[in-house]
Amino acid sequence: MGKNSEQILSDHNVSITNPRILVLEALLENKGPITLDELQAILKNKVAKSTLYRVLNDLKKIDILDEFTSPENQTVIELVLEDRAHHHHLFCSDCGEIIDVELSNEFENFLDLEIKKIEEKFKFKISDHRVEMFGKCTDQCENCKS
């Protein structure tokens, strides 16, 4: 069973406030990548926009929130908890859906070796990587059918 919002905040020594609980609960219920606009719609003005940004920054500081940009230049956020495996994303250019995908261990190991080569070549320490794939859903996608 996953942790609740209060447990997560407590485990990271962050004070438990109502806005933090509301944001975390919305992210826990969503179970995947979500745009800031979608998060605001879910919260339905329960958290002021400025407070929302502060809460998201707090969650990034304790390394439980990942942030990236969609092909449409929208900010996308996603909870990163211990029970979540390292993964990448598929972006549909038709419906905007973002799908989590895990690549094979073999590919991830190959990618890690390539990253080490890049670090050595450029004398650069890489802290994270992403593989983002862009395309269109098939006719089986519920979002694209509407």
C-alpha atoms as a PDB file:
ATOM      1  CA  MET A   1       0.000   0.000   0.000  1.00  0.00           C
ATOM      2  CA  GLY A   2       1.299   3.457  -0.883  1.00  0.00           C
ATOM      3  CA  LYS A   3       1.921   6.247   1.539  1.00  0.00           C
ATOM      4  CA  ASN A   4      -0.524   9.054   2.140  1.00  0.00           C
ATOM      5  CA  SER A   5       0.331  12.727   1.780  1.00  0.00           C
ATOM      6  CA  GLU A   6       0.947  13.313   5.491  1.00  0.00           C
ATOM      7  CA  GLN A   7       3.323  10.338   5.709  1.00  0.00           C
ATOM      8  CA  ILE A   8       5.275  11.561   2.687  1.00  0.00           C
ATOM      9  CA  LEU A   9       5.693  15.057   4.118  1.00  0.00           C
ATOM     10  CA  SER A  10       6.601  13.690   7.538  1.00  0.00           C
ATOM     11  CA  ASP A  11       9.148  11.251   6.056  1.00  0.00           C
ATOM     12  CA  HIS A  12      10.866  14.200   4.353  1.00  0.00           C
ATOM     13  CA  ASN A  13      10.753  16.447   7.446  1.00  0.00           C
ATOM     14  CA  VAL A  14       8.477  18.955   5.745  1.00  0.00           C
ATOM     15  CA  SER A  15       5.788  20.719   7.720  1.00  0.00           C
ATOM     16  CA  ILE A  16       2.312  19.419   7.047  1.00  0.00           C
ATOM     17  CA  THR A  17       0.117  22.199   5.674  1.00  0.00           C
ATOM     18  CA  ASN A  18      -3.299  22.065   4.059  1.00  0.00           C
ATOM     19  CA  PRO A  19      -2.062  23.254   0.623  1.00  0.00           C
ATOM     20  CA  ARG A  20       0.726  20.647   0.607  1.00  0.00           C
ATOM     21  CA  ILE A  21      -1.757  17.923   1.534  1.00  0.00           C
ATOM     22  CA  LEU A  22      -4.220  19.002  -1.177  1.00  0.00           C
ATOM     23  CA  VAL A  23      -1.533  19.120  -3.878  1.00  0.00           C
ATOM     24  CA  LEU A  24       0.042  15.816  -2.855  1.00  0.00           C
ATOM     25  CA  GLU A  25      -3.344  14.077  -2.690  1.00  0.00           C
ATOM     26  CA  ALA A  26      -4.191  15.302  -6.190  1.00  0.00           C
ATOM     27  CA  LEU A  27      -0.844  14.038  -7.489  1.00  0.00           C
ATOM     28  CA  LEU A  28      -1.196  10.700  -5.694  1.00  0.00           C
ATOM     29  CA  GLU A  29      -4.685  10.190  -7.153  1.00  0.00           C
ATOM     30  CA  ASN A  30      -3.521  11.085 -10.663  1.00  0.00           C
ATOM     31  CA  LYS A  31      -0.760   8.394 -10.670  1.00  0.00           C
ATOM     32  CA  GLY A  32       1.157   9.804 -13.610  1.00  0.00           C
ATOM     33  CA  PRO A  33       2.380  12.885 -15.410  1.00  0.00           C
ATOM     34  CA  ILE A  34       0.063  15.884 -15.272  1.00  0.00           C
ATOM     35  CA  THR A  35       0.254  19.410 -16.632  1.00  0.00           C
ATOM     36  CA  LEU A  36       0.030  22.380 -14.290  1.00  0.00           C
ATOM     37  CA  ASP A  37      -3.256  23.357 -15.950  1.00  0.00           C
ATOM     38  CA  GLU A  38      -4.697  19.899 -15.291  1.00  0.00           C
ATOM     39  CA  LEU A  39      -3.537  20.033 -11.664  1.00  0.00           C
ATOM     40  CA  GLN A  40      -5.144  23.447 -11.187  1.00  0.00           C
ATOM     41  CA  ALA A  41      -8.403  22.105 -12.667  1.00  0.00           C
ATOM     42  CA  ILE A  42      -8.343  19.157 -10.253  1.00  0.00           C
ATOM     43  CA  LEU A  43      -7.717  21.460  -7.294  1.00  0.00           C
ATOM     44  CA  LYS A  44     -10.636  23.701  -8.371  1.00  0.00           C
ATOM     45  CA  ASN A  45      -9.273  26.883  -6.759  1.00  0.00           C
ATOM     46  CA  LYS A  46      -8.694  25.179  -3.393  1.00  0.00           C
ATOM     47  CA  VAL A  47      -5.072  26.345  -3.633  1.00  0.00           C
ATOM     48  CA  ALA A  48      -4.092  29.797  -4.899  1.00  0.00           C
ATOM     49  CA  LYS A  49      -1.845  29.758  -7.959  1.00  0.00           C
ATOM     50  CA  SER A  50       1.062  31.401  -6.092  1.00  0.00           C
ATOM     51  CA  THR A  51       0.707  28.882  -3.256  1.00  0.00           C
ATOM     52  CA  LEU A  52       0.587  26.020  -5.750  1.00  0.00           C
ATOM     53  CA  TYR A  53       3.913  27.121  -7.249  1.00  0.00           C
ATOM     54  CA  ARG A  54       5.471  27.387  -3.769  1.00  0.00           C
ATOM     55  CA  VAL A  55       4.230  23.902  -2.849  1.00  0.00           C
ATOM     56  CA  LEU A  56       5.575  22.438  -6.103  1.00  0.00           C
ATOM     57  CA  ASN A  57       8.962  24.083  -5.478  1.00  0.00           C
ATOM     58  CA  ASP A  58       8.979  22.622  -1.954  1.00  0.00           C
ATOM     59  CA  LEU A  59       8.287  19.157  -3.368  1.00  0.00           C
ATOM     60  CA  LYS A  60      11.079  19.562  -5.945  1.00  0.00           C
ATOM     61  CA  LYS A  61      13.519  20.554  -3.180  1.00  0.00           C
ATOM     62  CA  ILE A  62      12.896  17.266  -1.370  1.00  0.00           C
ATOM     63  CA  ASP A  63      13.302  15.322  -4.635  1.00  0.00           C
ATOM     64  CA  ILE A  64       9.817  13.841  -4.857  1.00  0.00           C
ATOM     65  CA  LEU A  65       8.635  15.841  -7.847  1.00  0.00           C
ATOM     66  CA  ASP A  66       9.942  15.652 -11.386  1.00  0.00           C
ATOM     67  CA  GLU A  67       9.276  18.467 -13.831  1.00  0.00           C
ATOM     68  CA  PHE A  68       9.647  18.431 -17.600  1.00  0.00           C
ATOM     69  CA  THR A  69       8.244  20.195 -20.636  1.00  0.00           C
ATOM     70  CA  SER A  70       5.772  18.725 -23.101  1.00  0.00           C
ATOM     71  CA  PRO A  71       6.157  19.203 -26.874  1.00  0.00           C
ATOM     72  CA  GLU A  72       3.538  21.980 -26.551  1.00  0.00           C
ATOM     73  CA  ASN A  73       5.822  23.771 -24.055  1.00  0.00           C
ATOM     74  CA  GLN A  74       3.554  22.994 -21.120  1.00  0.00           C
ATOM     75  CA  THR A  75       5.117  22.248 -17.758  1.00  0.00           C
ATOM     76  CA  VAL A  76       4.432  18.665 -16.757  1.00  0.00           C
ATOM     77  CA  ILE A  77       4.971  17.359 -13.234  1.00  0.00           C
ATOM     78  CA  GLU A  78       5.077  13.889 -11.788  1.00  0.00           C
ATOM     79  CA  LEU A  79       5.576  12.465  -8.320  1.00  0.00           C
ATOM     80  CA  VAL A  80       8.764  10.464  -7.914  1.00  0.00           C
ATOM     81  CA  LEU A  81       8.374   8.147  -4.948  1.00  0.00           C
ATOM     82  CA  GLU A  82      10.469   5.154  -3.907  1.00  0.00           C
ATOM     83  CA  ASP A  83       7.999   2.674  -5.386  1.00  0.00           C
ATOM     84  CA  ARG A  84       8.175   4.291  -8.839  1.00  0.00           C
ATOM     85  CA  ALA A  85      10.660   2.773 -11.254  1.00  0.00           C
ATOM     86  CA  HIS A  86      12.840   4.931 -13.512  1.00  0.00           C
ATOM     87  CA  HIS A  87      10.857   5.502 -16.688  1.00  0.00           C
ATOM     88  CA  HIS A  88      10.445   7.619 -19.783  1.00  0.00           C
ATOM     89  CA  HIS A  89       7.502   9.112 -21.681  1.00  0.00           C
ATOM     90  CA  LEU A  90       5.479   8.864 -24.880  1.00  0.00           C
ATOM     91  CA  PHE A  91       3.786  12.067 -26.049  1.00  0.00           C
ATOM     92  CA  CYS A  92       0.737  11.942 -28.355  1.00  0.00           C
ATOM     93  CA  SER A  93       0.569  14.944 -30.676  1.00  0.00           C
ATOM     94  CA  ASP A  94      -3.172  14.385 -31.283  1.00  0.00           C
ATOM     95  CA  CYS A  95      -4.732  14.070 -27.827  1.00  0.00           C
ATOM     96  CA  GLY A  96      -1.866  15.312 -25.647  1.00  0.00           C
ATOM     97  CA  GLU A  97      -1.719  12.124 -23.599  1.00  0.00           C
ATOM     98  CA  ILE A  98       1.556  11.419 -21.793  1.00  0.00           C
ATOM     99  CA  ILE A  99       2.258   7.744 -21.223  1.00  0.00           C
ATOM    100  CA  ASP A 100       4.848   6.347 -18.809  1.00  0.00           C
ATOM    101  CA  VAL A 101       7.067   3.666 -20.349  1.00  0.00           C
ATOM    102  CA  GLU A 102       9.816   1.549 -18.853  1.00  0.00           C
ATOM    103  CA  LEU A 103      12.619   0.529 -21.163  1.00  0.00           C
ATOM    104  CA  SER A 104      14.348  -2.827 -20.904  1.00  0.00           C
ATOM    105  CA  ASN A 105      17.178  -3.242 -18.410  1.00  0.00           C
ATOM    106  CA  GLU A 106      19.438  -4.059 -21.349  1.00  0.00           C
ATOM    107  CA  PHE A 107      18.694  -0.723 -23.021  1.00  0.00           C
ATOM    108  CA  GLU A 108      19.007   1.226 -19.742  1.00  0.00           C
ATOM    109  CA  ASN A 109      22.396  -0.433 -19.083  1.00  0.00           C
ATOM    110  CA  PHE A 110      23.551   0.448 -22.603  1.00  0.00           C
ATOM    111  CA  LEU A 111      22.365   4.020 -22.081  1.00  0.00           C
ATOM    112  CA  ASP A 112      24.239   4.223 -18.750  1.00  0.00           C
ATOM    113  CA  LEU A 113      27.448   3.152 -20.521  1.00  0.00           C
ATOM    114  CA  GLU A 114      26.926   5.801 -23.195  1.00  0.00           C
ATOM    115  CA  ILE A 115      26.296   8.432 -20.514  1.00  0.00           C
ATOM    116  CA  LYS A 116      29.592   7.507 -18.824  1.00  0.00           C
ATOM    117  CA  LYS A 117      31.396   7.944 -22.143  1.00  0.00           C
ATOM    118  CA  ILE A 118      29.793  11.366 -22.597  1.00  0.00           C
ATOM    119  CA  GLU A 119      30.778  12.365 -19.052  1.00  0.00           C
ATOM    120  CA  GLU A 120      34.391  11.407 -19.699  1.00  0.00           C
ATOM    121  CA  LYS A 121      34.549  13.033 -23.113  1.00  0.00           C
ATOM    122  CA  PHE A 122      33.076  16.355 -21.999  1.00  0.00           C
ATOM    123  CA  LYS A 123      34.300  16.311 -18.362  1.00  0.00           C
ATOM    124  CA  PHE A 124      30.690  16.702 -17.331  1.00  0.00           C
ATOM    125  CA  LYS A 125      28.722  15.057 -14.501  1.00  0.00           C
ATOM    126  CA  ILE A 126      25.259  13.996 -15.733  1.00  0.00           C
ATOM    127  CA  SER A 127      22.737  13.766 -12.901  1.00  0.00           C
ATOM    128  CA  ASP A 128      19.713  12.531 -14.851  1.00  0.00           C
ATOM    129  CA  HIS A 129      18.536  11.541 -18.302  1.00  0.00           C
ATOM    130  CA  ARG A 130      15.263  11.249 -20.180  1.00  0.00           C
ATOM    131  CA  VAL A 131      14.138   9.466 -23.290  1.00  0.00           C
ATOM    132  CA  GLU A 132      11.072  11.137 -24.709  1.00  0.00           C
ATOM    133  CA  MET A 133       9.240   9.681 -27.673  1.00  0.00           C
ATOM    134  CA  PHE A 134       6.803  11.638 -29.808  1.00  0.00           C
ATOM    135  CA  GLY A 135       4.059  10.326 -32.051  1.00  0.00           C
ATOM    136  CA  LYS A 136       0.342   9.716 -32.359  1.00  0.00           C
ATOM    137  CA  CYS A 137      -1.996   7.315 -30.605  1.00  0.00           C
ATOM    138  CA  THR A 138      -3.678   4.611 -32.645  1.00  0.00           C
ATOM    139  CA  ASP A 139      -7.401   4.485 -33.325  1.00  0.00           C
ATOM    140  CA  GLN A 140      -7.681   2.526 -30.055  1.00  0.00           C
ATOM    141  CA  CYS A 141      -7.001   5.646 -27.954  1.00  0.00           C
ATOM    142  CA  GLU A 142     -10.102   6.791 -26.068  1.00  0.00           C
ATOM    143  CA  ASN A 143      -8.823  10.394 -25.981  1.00  0.00           C
ATOM    144  CA  CYS A 144      -8.348  10.580 -29.758  1.00  0.00           C
ATOM    145  CA  LYS A 145     -11.779   9.103 -30.565  1.00  0.00           C
ATOM    146  CA  SER A 146     -13.693  12.092 -29.222  1.00  0.00           C
END
